[in-house]
PDB file of N, CA and C in Angstrom:
ATOM      1  N   UNK A   1      -6.795   7.002  13.682  1.00  0.00           N
ATOM      2  CA  UNK A   1      -6.468   5.355  14.758  1.00  0.00           C
ATOM      3  C   UNK A   1      -5.673   6.916  15.734  1.00  0.00           C
ATOM      4  N   UNK A   2      -5.649   6.240  16.989  1.00  0.00           N
ATOM      5  CA  UNK A   2      -5.446   6.783  18.277  1.00  0.00           C
ATOM      6  C   UNK A   2      -4.065   5.722  18.158  1.00  0.00           C
ATOM      7  N   UNK A   3      -3.046   5.152  18.253  1.00  0.00           N
ATOM      8  CA  UNK A   3      -1.498   4.078  18.269  1.00  0.00           C
ATOM      9  C   UNK A   3      -0.975   3.356  17.346  1.00  0.00           C
ATOM     10  N   UNK A   4      -0.193   3.382  18.127  1.00  0.00           N
ATOM     11  CA  UNK A   4       1.092   3.361  17.149  1.00  0.00           C
ATOM     12  C   UNK A   4       0.604   1.888  16.475  1.00  0.00           C
ATOM     13  N   UNK A   5       1.241   1.780  14.571  1.00  0.00           N
ATOM     14  CA  UNK A   5       0.766   0.730  14.253  1.00  0.00           C
ATOM     15  C   UNK A   5       1.639  -0.126  14.731  1.00  0.00           C
ATOM     16  N   UNK A   6       1.414  -1.516  14.055  1.00  0.00           N
ATOM     17  CA  UNK A   6       1.497  -2.926  15.012  1.00  0.00           C
ATOM     18  C   UNK A   6       1.728  -3.552  14.389  1.00  0.00           C
ATOM     19  N   UNK A   7       2.576  -5.159  14.125  1.00  0.00           N
ATOM     20  CA  UNK A   7       2.661  -6.117  13.564  1.00  0.00           C
ATOM     21  C   UNK A   7       1.947  -6.977  13.642  1.00  0.00           C
ATOM     22  N   UNK A   8       1.452  -8.082  12.419  1.00  0.00           N
ATOM     23  CA  UNK A   8       0.476  -8.771  13.387  1.00  0.00           C
ATOM     24  C   UNK A   8       1.080  -9.728  14.199  1.00  0.00           C
ATOM     25  N   UNK A   9       2.263  -9.920  13.182  1.00  0.00           N
ATOM     26  CA  UNK A   9       2.923 -10.880  14.529  1.00  0.00           C
ATOM     27  C   UNK A   9       3.257 -11.103  15.416  1.00  0.00           C
ATOM     28  N   UNK A  10       3.394  -9.688  16.507  1.00  0.00           N
ATOM     29  CA  UNK A  10       3.251  -9.490  17.598  1.00  0.00           C
ATOM     30  C   UNK A  10       1.718 -10.405  18.962  1.00  0.00           C
ATOM     31  N   UNK A  11       1.619 -11.127  17.924  1.00  0.00           N
ATOM     32  CA  UNK A  11       0.105 -11.125  19.309  1.00  0.00           C
ATOM     33  C   UNK A  11       0.745 -13.051  18.942  1.00  0.00           C
ATOM     34  N   UNK A  12       0.075 -13.374  19.940  1.00  0.00           N
ATOM     35  CA  UNK A  12       0.871 -14.487  21.013  1.00  0.00           C
ATOM     36  C   UNK A  12      -0.624 -15.194  20.267  1.00  0.00           C
ATOM     37  N   UNK A  13      -1.684 -15.542  20.133  1.00  0.00           N
ATOM     38  CA  UNK A  13      -2.303 -16.729  19.586  1.00  0.00           C
ATOM     39  C   UNK A  13      -2.154 -16.770  18.028  1.00  0.00           C
ATOM     40  N   UNK A  14      -1.913 -18.178  16.777  1.00  0.00           N
ATOM     41  CA  UNK A  14      -1.471 -18.254  16.298  1.00  0.00           C
ATOM     42  C   UNK A  14      -3.030 -18.237  15.316  1.00  0.00           C
ATOM     43  N   UNK A  15      -3.767 -18.555  15.581  1.00  0.00           N
ATOM     44  CA  UNK A  15      -5.394 -18.516  14.899  1.00  0.00           C
ATOM     45  C   UNK A  15      -5.160 -17.166  14.837  1.00  0.00           C
ATOM     46  N   UNK A  16      -5.356 -16.489  14.786  1.00  0.00           N
ATOM     47  CA  UNK A  16      -5.162 -14.750  15.078  1.00  0.00           C
ATOM     48  C   UNK A  16      -4.256 -14.179  14.348  1.00  0.00           C
ATOM     49  N   UNK A  17      -3.305 -14.560  14.713  1.00  0.00           N
ATOM     50  CA  UNK A  17      -2.475 -13.804  13.663  1.00  0.00           C
ATOM     51  C   UNK A  17      -2.256 -14.827  12.312  1.00  0.00           C
ATOM     52  N   UNK A  18      -2.679 -15.329  12.657  1.00  0.00           N
ATOM     53  CA  UNK A  18      -3.144 -15.430  10.350  1.00  0.00           C
ATOM     54  C   UNK A  18      -3.984 -14.529   9.560  1.00  0.00           C
ATOM     55  N   UNK A  19      -5.185 -14.501  10.950  1.00  0.00           N
ATOM     56  CA  UNK A  19      -6.336 -13.789  10.140  1.00  0.00           C
ATOM     57  C   UNK A  19      -5.277 -12.430  10.159  1.00  0.00           C
ATOM     58  N   UNK A  20      -4.940 -12.047  10.576  1.00  0.00           N
ATOM     59  CA  UNK A  20      -4.544 -10.592  11.027  1.00  0.00           C
ATOM     60  C   UNK A  20      -3.460 -10.611   9.934  1.00  0.00           C
ATOM     61  N   UNK A  21      -2.583 -11.464   9.460  1.00  0.00           N
ATOM     62  CA  UNK A  21      -1.550 -10.785   8.169  1.00  0.00           C
ATOM     63  C   UNK A  21      -2.210 -10.782   7.050  1.00  0.00           C
ATOM     64  N   UNK A  22      -3.476 -11.370   7.067  1.00  0.00           N
ATOM     65  CA  UNK A  22      -4.438 -11.368   6.072  1.00  0.00           C
ATOM     66  C   UNK A  22      -5.092 -10.101   5.930  1.00  0.00           C
ATOM     67  N   UNK A  23      -5.187 -10.233   6.909  1.00  0.00           N
ATOM     68  CA  UNK A  23      -5.748  -8.421   6.961  1.00  0.00           C
ATOM     69  C   UNK A  23      -5.039  -7.704   6.733  1.00  0.00           C
ATOM     70  N   UNK A  24      -3.747  -7.662   7.284  1.00  0.00           N
ATOM     71  CA  UNK A  24      -2.853  -6.191   7.065  1.00  0.00           C
ATOM     72  C   UNK A  24      -2.686  -6.264   5.598  1.00  0.00           C
ATOM     73  N   UNK A  25      -2.471  -7.290   4.506  1.00  0.00           N
ATOM     74  CA  UNK A  25      -1.623  -7.257   2.823  1.00  0.00           C
ATOM     75  C   UNK A  25      -3.225  -7.065   3.072  1.00  0.00           C
ATOM     76  N   UNK A  26      -4.160  -6.908   3.433  1.00  0.00           N
ATOM     77  CA  UNK A  26      -5.675  -6.372   1.933  1.00  0.00           C
ATOM     78  C   UNK A  26      -5.585  -5.171   2.485  1.00  0.00           C
ATOM     79  N   UNK A  27      -4.948  -4.114   3.624  1.00  0.00           N
ATOM     80  CA  UNK A  27      -4.659  -2.754   3.553  1.00  0.00           C
ATOM     81  C   UNK A  27      -5.075  -2.338   4.410  1.00  0.00           C
ATOM     82  N   UNK A  28      -5.728  -4.005   5.787  1.00  0.00           N
ATOM     83  CA  UNK A  28      -6.280  -3.237   6.793  1.00  0.00           C
ATOM     84  C   UNK A  28      -5.497  -2.024   7.763  1.00  0.00           C
ATOM     85  N   UNK A  29      -4.868  -1.774   8.631  1.00  0.00           N
ATOM     86  CA  UNK A  29      -4.171  -1.124   9.755  1.00  0.00           C
ATOM     87  C   UNK A  29      -4.082  -1.466  11.300  1.00  0.00           C
ATOM     88  N   UNK A  30      -3.711  -1.940  11.292  1.00  0.00           N
ATOM     89  CA  UNK A  30      -3.927  -3.202  13.260  1.00  0.00           C
ATOM     90  C   UNK A  30      -2.905  -2.156  13.747  1.00  0.00           C
ATOM     91  N   UNK A  31      -3.312  -1.620  15.067  1.00  0.00           N
ATOM     92  CA  UNK A  31      -2.982  -0.168  16.056  1.00  0.00           C
ATOM     93  C   UNK A  31      -3.390  -0.386  16.705  1.00  0.00           C
ATOM     94  N   UNK A  32      -2.322   0.082  17.964  1.00  0.00           N
ATOM     95  CA  UNK A  32      -2.631  -0.650  19.692  1.00  0.00           C
ATOM     96  C   UNK A  32      -3.159  -0.596  20.310  1.00  0.00           C
ATOM     97  N   UNK A  33      -4.397  -0.855  20.653  1.00  0.00           N
ATOM     98  CA  UNK A  33      -5.222   0.617  21.507  1.00  0.00           C
ATOM     99  C   UNK A  33      -6.645  -0.645  21.787  1.00  0.00           C
ATOM    100  N   UNK A  34      -6.635   0.032  23.219  1.00  0.00           N
ATOM    101  CA  UNK A  34      -7.618  -0.781  23.652  1.00  0.00           C
ATOM    102  C   UNK A  34      -6.501  -2.315  25.176  1.00  0.00           C
ATOM    103  N   UNK A  35      -7.156  -3.402  25.407  1.00  0.00           N
ATOM    104  CA  UNK A  35      -6.534  -4.114  26.045  1.00  0.00           C
ATOM    105  C   UNK A  35      -5.523  -4.415  24.712  1.00  0.00           C
ATOM    106  N   UNK A  36      -5.657  -4.639  23.792  1.00  0.00           N
ATOM    107  CA  UNK A  36      -4.546  -5.172  23.212  1.00  0.00           C
ATOM    108  C   UNK A  36      -3.789  -3.937  21.408  1.00  0.00           C
ATOM    109  N   UNK A  37      -5.464  -4.574  20.733  1.00  0.00           N
ATOM    110  CA  UNK A  37      -5.147  -4.164  18.896  1.00  0.00           C
ATOM    111  C   UNK A  37      -6.844  -3.480  18.639  1.00  0.00           C
ATOM    112  N   UNK A  38      -7.158  -2.820  17.387  1.00  0.00           N
ATOM    113  CA  UNK A  38      -7.931  -2.299  16.643  1.00  0.00           C
ATOM    114  C   UNK A  38      -7.644  -2.648  15.265  1.00  0.00           C
ATOM    115  N   UNK A  39      -8.279  -2.587  14.875  1.00  0.00           N
ATOM    116  CA  UNK A  39      -7.524  -2.506  13.230  1.00  0.00           C
ATOM    117  C   UNK A  39      -8.616  -2.236  12.646  1.00  0.00           C
ATOM    118  N   UNK A  40      -7.662  -1.847  11.661  1.00  0.00           N
ATOM    119  CA  UNK A  40      -9.546   0.285  10.805  1.00  0.00           C
ATOM    120  C   UNK A  40      -8.767  -0.749   9.329  1.00  0.00           C
ATOM    121  N   UNK A  41     -10.301  -0.649   8.652  1.00  0.00           N
ATOM    122  CA  UNK A  41     -10.475  -0.628   7.389  1.00  0.00           C
ATOM    123  C   UNK A  41     -10.257   0.580   6.278  1.00  0.00           C
ATOM    124  N   UNK A  42      -9.473  -0.424   4.566  1.00  0.00           N
ATOM    125  CA  UNK A  42      -8.885  -0.141   4.125  1.00  0.00           C
ATOM    126  C   UNK A  42      -9.974   0.950   3.526  1.00  0.00           C
ATOM    127  N   UNK A  43     -11.232   1.430   4.219  1.00  0.00           N
ATOM    128  CA  UNK A  43     -10.895   2.850   2.865  1.00  0.00           C
ATOM    129  C   UNK A  43     -11.047   3.753   2.959  1.00  0.00           C
ATOM    130  N   UNK A  44     -11.325   5.162   1.862  1.00  0.00           N
ATOM    131  CA  UNK A  44     -11.283   6.302   1.720  1.00  0.00           C
ATOM    132  C   UNK A  44     -10.785   7.066   3.526  1.00  0.00           C
ATOM    133  N   UNK A  45     -11.634   7.246   3.941  1.00  0.00           N
ATOM    134  CA  UNK A  45     -12.470   8.179   5.567  1.00  0.00           C
ATOM    135  C   UNK A  45     -11.992   7.431   6.723  1.00  0.00           C
ATOM    136  N   UNK A  46     -11.945   6.175   6.744  1.00  0.00           N
ATOM    137  CA  UNK A  46     -10.879   4.790   8.317  1.00  0.00           C
ATOM    138  C   UNK A  46     -11.809   4.905   8.598  1.00  0.00           C
ATOM    139  N   UNK A  47     -13.190   5.388   8.968  1.00  0.00           N
ATOM    140  CA  UNK A  47     -14.512   5.239  10.277  1.00  0.00           C
ATOM    141  C   UNK A  47     -14.724   4.497   9.436  1.00  0.00           C
ATOM    142  N   UNK A  48     -15.199   3.507   8.206  1.00  0.00           N
ATOM    143  CA  UNK A  48     -15.870   3.054   8.435  1.00  0.00           C
ATOM    144  C   UNK A  48     -16.382   1.242   8.792  1.00  0.00           C
ATOM    145  N   UNK A  49     -15.163   0.843   8.726  1.00  0.00           N
ATOM    146  CA  UNK A  49     -15.065  -0.355  10.378  1.00  0.00           C
ATOM    147  C   UNK A  49     -14.359  -0.063  11.154  1.00  0.00           C
ATOM    148  N   UNK A  50     -14.439  -0.430  11.984  1.00  0.00           N
ATOM    149  CA  UNK A  50     -12.445  -1.082  13.048  1.00  0.00           C
ATOM    150  C   UNK A  50     -13.434  -2.570  14.148  1.00  0.00           C
ATOM    151  N   UNK A  51     -12.866  -3.161  14.341  1.00  0.00           N
ATOM    152  CA  UNK A  51     -12.794  -4.531  14.895  1.00  0.00           C
ATOM    153  C   UNK A  51     -11.835  -4.888  16.163  1.00  0.00           C
ATOM    154  N   UNK A  52     -12.326  -4.383  17.548  1.00  0.00           N
ATOM    155  CA  UNK A  52     -11.233  -4.490  18.297  1.00  0.00           C
ATOM    156  C   UNK A  52     -10.859  -6.240  18.196  1.00  0.00           C
ATOM    157  N   UNK A  53      -9.579  -6.394  18.529  1.00  0.00           N
ATOM    158  CA  UNK A  53      -8.470  -7.621  18.875  1.00  0.00           C
ATOM    159  C   UNK A  53      -7.636  -7.530  19.470  1.00  0.00           C
ATOM    160  N   UNK A  54      -8.121  -8.638  20.655  1.00  0.00           N
ATOM    161  CA  UNK A  54      -8.131  -9.010  22.170  1.00  0.00           C
ATOM    162  C   UNK A  54      -6.699  -9.052  21.958  1.00  0.00           C
ATOM    163  N   UNK A  55      -5.906  -9.304  23.666  1.00  0.00           N
ATOM    164  CA  UNK A  55      -4.625  -9.850  23.175  1.00  0.00           C
ATOM    165  C   UNK A  55      -4.520 -11.628  23.622  1.00  0.00           C
ATOM    166  N   UNK A  56      -5.536 -11.563  24.636  1.00  0.00           N
ATOM    167  CA  UNK A  56      -5.642 -12.786  25.359  1.00  0.00           C
ATOM    168  C   UNK A  56      -7.600 -13.439  25.119  1.00  0.00           C
ATOM    169  N   UNK A  57      -7.371 -13.903  24.095  1.00  0.00           N
ATOM    170  CA  UNK A  57      -9.155 -14.100  23.800  1.00  0.00           C
ATOM    171  C   UNK A  57      -9.636 -15.598  24.618  1.00  0.00           C
ATOM    172  N   UNK A  58     -10.385 -16.273  24.280  1.00  0.00           N
ATOM    173  CA  UNK A  58     -10.940 -16.613  25.356  1.00  0.00           C
ATOM    174  C   UNK A  58     -11.172 -18.724  24.713  1.00  0.00           C
ATOM    175  N   UNK A  59     -11.497 -18.214  23.617  1.00  0.00           N
ATOM    176  CA  UNK A  59     -11.760 -19.235  22.233  1.00  0.00           C
ATOM    177  C   UNK A  59     -10.944 -18.546  20.916  1.00  0.00           C
ATOM    178  N   UNK A  60      -9.239 -18.268  21.177  1.00  0.00           N
ATOM    179  CA  UNK A  60      -8.917 -18.317  20.246  1.00  0.00           C
ATOM    180  C   UNK A  60      -8.811 -18.200  18.536  1.00  0.00           C
ATOM    181  N   UNK A  61      -9.911 -20.195  18.151  1.00  0.00           N
ATOM    182  CA  UNK A  61     -10.580 -19.935  16.798  1.00  0.00           C
ATOM    183  C   UNK A  61     -11.485 -19.481  16.378  1.00  0.00           C
ATOM    184  N   UNK A  62     -12.564 -19.314  18.245  1.00  0.00           N
ATOM    185  CA  UNK A  62     -13.792 -18.896  16.886  1.00  0.00           C
ATOM    186  C   UNK A  62     -13.644 -17.205  17.299  1.00  0.00           C
ATOM    187  N   UNK A  63     -12.590 -16.103  17.944  1.00  0.00           N
ATOM    188  CA  UNK A  63     -12.203 -15.420  17.650  1.00  0.00           C
ATOM    189  C   UNK A  63     -11.468 -14.803  16.551  1.00  0.00           C
ATOM    190  N   UNK A  64     -10.919 -15.002  15.908  1.00  0.00           N
ATOM    191  CA  UNK A  64     -10.193 -15.283  14.172  1.00  0.00           C
ATOM    192  C   UNK A  64     -11.369 -15.234  13.706  1.00  0.00           C
ATOM    193  N   UNK A  65     -13.183 -16.724  13.258  1.00  0.00           N
ATOM    194  CA  UNK A  65     -13.639 -16.777  12.768  1.00  0.00           C
ATOM    195  C   UNK A  65     -14.142 -15.279  12.542  1.00  0.00           C
ATOM    196  N   UNK A  66     -14.299 -14.868  14.083  1.00  0.00           N
ATOM    197  CA  UNK A  66     -15.044 -13.456  14.576  1.00  0.00           C
ATOM    198  C   UNK A  66     -14.898 -12.220  13.339  1.00  0.00           C
ATOM    199  N   UNK A  67     -13.268 -12.332  13.831  1.00  0.00           N
ATOM    200  CA  UNK A  67     -12.427 -11.731  13.221  1.00  0.00           C
ATOM    201  C   UNK A  67     -13.005 -11.567  11.300  1.00  0.00           C
ATOM    202  N   UNK A  68     -12.767 -11.795  11.057  1.00  0.00           N
ATOM    203  CA  UNK A  68     -11.856 -12.055   9.128  1.00  0.00           C
ATOM    204  C   UNK A  68     -14.289 -12.161   8.963  1.00  0.00           C
ATOM    205  N   UNK A  69     -15.277 -11.989  10.049  1.00  0.00           N
ATOM    206  CA  UNK A  69     -15.629 -12.656   9.637  1.00  0.00           C
ATOM    207  C   UNK A  69     -16.822 -10.948   9.674  1.00  0.00           C
ATOM    208  N   UNK A  70     -15.945 -10.013  10.753  1.00  0.00           N
ATOM    209  CA  UNK A  70     -16.524  -8.563  10.540  1.00  0.00           C
ATOM    210  C   UNK A  70     -15.605  -7.482  10.138  1.00  0.00           C
ATOM    211  N   UNK A  71     -15.229  -8.547   9.150  1.00  0.00           N
ATOM    212  CA  UNK A  71     -14.076  -7.594   7.962  1.00  0.00           C
ATOM    213  C   UNK A  71     -14.431  -8.124   6.846  1.00  0.00           C
ATOM    214  N   UNK A  72     -15.544  -9.461   6.238  1.00  0.00           N
ATOM    215  CA  UNK A  72     -16.032  -9.158   5.786  1.00  0.00           C
ATOM    216  C   UNK A  72     -17.328  -8.401   5.053  1.00  0.00           C
ATOM    217  N   UNK A  73     -17.132  -7.885   6.027  1.00  0.00           N
ATOM    218  CA  UNK A  73     -18.841  -6.270   6.610  1.00  0.00           C
ATOM    219  C   UNK A  73     -18.540  -5.475   5.792  1.00  0.00           C
ATOM    220  N   UNK A  74     -17.357  -4.900   5.708  1.00  0.00           N
ATOM    221  CA  UNK A  74     -16.291  -3.550   4.960  1.00  0.00           C
ATOM    222  C   UNK A  74     -17.194  -3.256   3.874  1.00  0.00           C
ATOM    223  N   UNK A  75     -17.852  -2.661   3.751  1.00  0.00           N
ATOM    224  CA  UNK A  75     -18.715  -1.845   1.860  1.00  0.00           C
ATOM    225  C   UNK A  75     -17.129  -1.808   1.283  1.00  0.00           C
ATOM    226  N   UNK A  76     -16.174  -1.824   0.654  1.00  0.00           N
ATOM    227  CA  UNK A  76     -14.758  -0.906  -0.440  1.00  0.00           C
ATOM    228  C   UNK A  76     -16.007  -0.889  -1.385  1.00  0.00           C
ATOM    229  N   UNK A  77     -15.086   0.084  -2.289  1.00  0.00           N
ATOM    230  CA  UNK A  77     -16.082   1.267  -2.700  1.00  0.00           C
ATOM    231  C   UNK A  77     -16.181   0.522  -3.415  1.00  0.00           C
ATOM    232  N   UNK A  78     -17.082   0.599  -5.314  1.00  0.00           N
ATOM    233  CA  UNK A  78     -16.220   0.054  -6.150  1.00  0.00           C
ATOM    234  C   UNK A  78     -15.661  -0.407  -7.158  1.00  0.00           C
ATOM    235  N   UNK A  79     -15.607  -1.023  -7.938  1.00  0.00           N
ATOM    236  CA  UNK A  79     -14.413  -1.044  -8.156  1.00  0.00           C
ATOM    237  C   UNK A  79     -12.764  -2.095  -7.717  1.00  0.00           C
ATOM    238  N   UNK A  80     -12.882  -2.046  -6.163  1.00  0.00           N
ATOM    239  CA  UNK A  80     -11.858  -2.091  -5.122  1.00  0.00           C
ATOM    240  C   UNK A  80     -11.111  -3.406  -5.980  1.00  0.00           C
ATOM    241  N   UNK A  81      -9.651  -3.973  -6.057  1.00  0.00           N
ATOM    242  CA  UNK A  81      -9.864  -5.129  -6.731  1.00  0.00           C
ATOM    243  C   UNK A  81      -9.856  -5.726  -5.555  1.00  0.00           C
ATOM    244  N   UNK A  82     -10.417  -5.886  -4.101  1.00  0.00           N
ATOM    245  CA  UNK A  82     -10.278  -6.567  -2.474  1.00  0.00           C
ATOM    246  C   UNK A  82     -11.388  -6.073  -2.382  1.00  0.00           C
ATOM    247  N   UNK A  83     -12.701  -6.625  -3.694  1.00  0.00           N
ATOM    248  CA  UNK A  83     -13.918  -5.899  -2.936  1.00  0.00           C
ATOM    249  C   UNK A  83     -14.280  -7.306  -3.306  1.00  0.00           C
ATOM    250  N   UNK A  84     -14.816  -8.141  -2.642  1.00  0.00           N
ATOM    251  CA  UNK A  84     -15.670  -9.237  -2.803  1.00  0.00           C
ATOM    252  C   UNK A  84     -17.291  -9.487  -3.573  1.00  0.00           C
ATOM    253  N   UNK A  85     -17.203 -10.551  -4.398  1.00  0.00           N
ATOM    254  CA  UNK A  85     -18.841 -10.047  -5.160  1.00  0.00           C
ATOM    255  C   UNK A  85     -19.313  -9.932  -3.778  1.00  0.00           C
ATOM    256  N   UNK A  86     -19.956 -10.872  -3.056  1.00  0.00           N
ATOM    257  CA  UNK A  86     -20.877 -10.142  -1.389  1.00  0.00           C
ATOM    258  C   UNK A  86     -20.565  -8.155  -1.244  1.00  0.00           C
ATOM    259  N   UNK A  87     -19.390  -7.952  -1.258  1.00  0.00           N
ATOM    260  CA  UNK A  87     -19.407  -6.928  -1.229  1.00  0.00           C
ATOM    261  C   UNK A  87     -18.413  -6.226   0.371  1.00  0.00           C
ATOM    262  N   UNK A  88     -18.083  -7.409   0.584  1.00  0.00           N
ATOM    263  CA  UNK A  88     -16.935  -7.155   1.862  1.00  0.00           C
ATOM    264  C   UNK A  88     -16.553  -7.541   1.228  1.00  0.00           C
ATOM    265  N   UNK A  89     -14.676  -7.772   2.167  1.00  0.00           N
ATOM    266  CA  UNK A  89     -13.599  -8.054   1.837  1.00  0.00           C
ATOM    267  C   UNK A  89     -12.786  -8.971   1.888  1.00  0.00           C
ATOM    268  N   UNK A  90     -11.987  -9.859   0.403  1.00  0.00           N
ATOM    269  CA  UNK A  90     -12.209 -10.522   0.682  1.00  0.00           C
ATOM    270  C   UNK A  90     -10.963 -11.653   1.455  1.00  0.00           C
ATOM    271  N   UNK A  91     -10.876 -12.363   2.712  1.00  0.00           N
ATOM    272  CA  UNK A  91     -10.432 -12.678   3.261  1.00  0.00           C
ATOM    273  C   UNK A  91      -9.774 -14.226   2.892  1.00  0.00           C
TER     274      UNK A  91
END
Protein backbone atom coordinates (compact mmCIF):
# COMPACT_ATOMS: atom_id res chain seq x y z
CA UNK A 1 0.00 0.00 0.00
CA UNK A 2 1.40 3.31 -1.04
CA UNK A 3 -0.96 6.11 0.03
CA UNK A 4 -2.53 7.08 3.30
CA UNK A 5 -5.60 5.33 4.69
CA UNK A 6 -8.87 6.95 3.64
CA UNK A 7 -12.44 6.86 4.87
CA UNK A 8 -15.25 5.69 2.57
CA UNK A 9 -17.11 8.86 3.60
CA UNK A 10 -14.56 10.85 1.57
CA UNK A 11 -16.08 9.67 -1.72
CA UNK A 12 -18.52 12.04 -3.42
CA UNK A 13 -20.89 9.43 -4.94
CA UNK A 14 -23.46 7.87 -2.60
CA UNK A 15 -23.67 4.49 -4.38
CA UNK A 16 -19.89 4.01 -4.35
CA UNK A 17 -19.67 5.25 -0.75
CA UNK A 18 -22.14 2.54 0.39
CA UNK A 19 -20.10 -0.25 -1.24
CA UNK A 20 -16.84 1.16 0.15
CA UNK A 21 -18.29 1.25 3.68
CA UNK A 22 -19.36 -2.41 3.38
CA UNK A 23 -15.94 -3.50 2.13
CA UNK A 24 -13.99 -1.54 4.76
CA UNK A 25 -16.23 -3.09 7.43
CA UNK A 26 -15.36 -6.51 5.95
CA UNK A 27 -11.65 -5.82 6.43
CA UNK A 28 -10.61 -4.21 3.13
CA UNK A 29 -8.19 -1.25 3.24
CA UNK A 30 -8.91 1.95 1.31
CA UNK A 31 -5.83 4.01 0.46
CA UNK A 32 -5.23 7.26 -1.41
CA UNK A 33 -3.64 6.22 -4.68
CA UNK A 34 -4.03 6.99 -8.38
CA UNK A 35 -6.88 9.32 -9.34
CA UNK A 36 -8.78 8.78 -6.09
CA UNK A 37 -8.08 5.55 -4.24
CA UNK A 38 -7.48 1.82 -4.26
CA UNK A 39 -9.00 -1.02 -2.23
CA UNK A 40 -6.73 -3.77 -0.89
CA UNK A 41 -8.15 -7.16 0.04
CA UNK A 42 -8.04 -8.52 3.61
CA UNK A 43 -5.83 -11.50 2.63
CA UNK A 44 -2.67 -11.84 4.75
CA UNK A 45 -0.21 -10.94 1.95
CA UNK A 46 -2.27 -7.89 0.82
CA UNK A 47 -1.30 -8.50 -2.82
CA UNK A 48 -4.16 -10.82 -3.71
CA UNK A 49 -6.79 -8.40 -5.01
CA UNK A 50 -6.60 -4.65 -5.53
CA UNK A 51 -9.47 -2.61 -6.93
CA UNK A 52 -9.04 0.93 -8.29
CA UNK A 53 -11.73 3.37 -7.12
CA UNK A 54 -12.35 6.30 -9.48
CA UNK A 55 -13.03 9.71 -8.00
CA UNK A 56 -15.52 10.77 -10.65
CA UNK A 57 -17.28 7.77 -12.13
CA UNK A 58 -19.20 8.23 -15.35
CA UNK A 59 -21.98 5.99 -14.05
CA UNK A 60 -21.74 5.72 -10.23
CA UNK A 61 -24.23 2.86 -9.81
CA UNK A 62 -22.50 0.72 -12.44
CA UNK A 63 -19.10 1.49 -10.89
CA UNK A 64 -20.40 0.53 -7.42
CA UNK A 65 -21.70 -2.80 -8.77
CA UNK A 66 -18.38 -3.40 -10.53
CA UNK A 67 -16.40 -2.78 -7.32
CA UNK A 68 -18.66 -5.16 -5.37
CA UNK A 69 -18.40 -7.80 -8.12
CA UNK A 70 -14.59 -7.64 -8.15
CA UNK A 71 -14.50 -7.85 -4.34
CA UNK A 72 -16.52 -11.07 -4.44
CA UNK A 73 -13.74 -12.64 -6.56
CA UNK A 74 -11.17 -12.33 -3.76
CA UNK A 75 -10.41 -15.85 -2.47
CA UNK A 76 -10.20 -15.65 1.32
CA UNK A 77 -8.56 -18.53 3.24
CA UNK A 78 -10.71 -21.52 4.25
CA UNK A 79 -12.45 -21.01 7.57
CA UNK A 80 -12.54 -17.21 7.33
CA UNK A 81 -16.04 -16.08 8.40
CA UNK A 82 -16.07 -13.39 5.69
CA UNK A 83 -15.75 -16.02 2.97
CA UNK A 84 -18.92 -16.63 0.93
CA UNK A 85 -19.99 -20.10 -0.13
CA UNK A 86 -18.83 -19.30 -3.66
CA UNK A 87 -15.34 -18.41 -2.42
CA UNK A 88 -15.40 -14.60 -2.40
CA UNK A 89 -15.97 -11.85 0.12
CA UNK A 90 -19.53 -11.36 1.33
CA UNK A 91 -20.65 -7.83 0.30
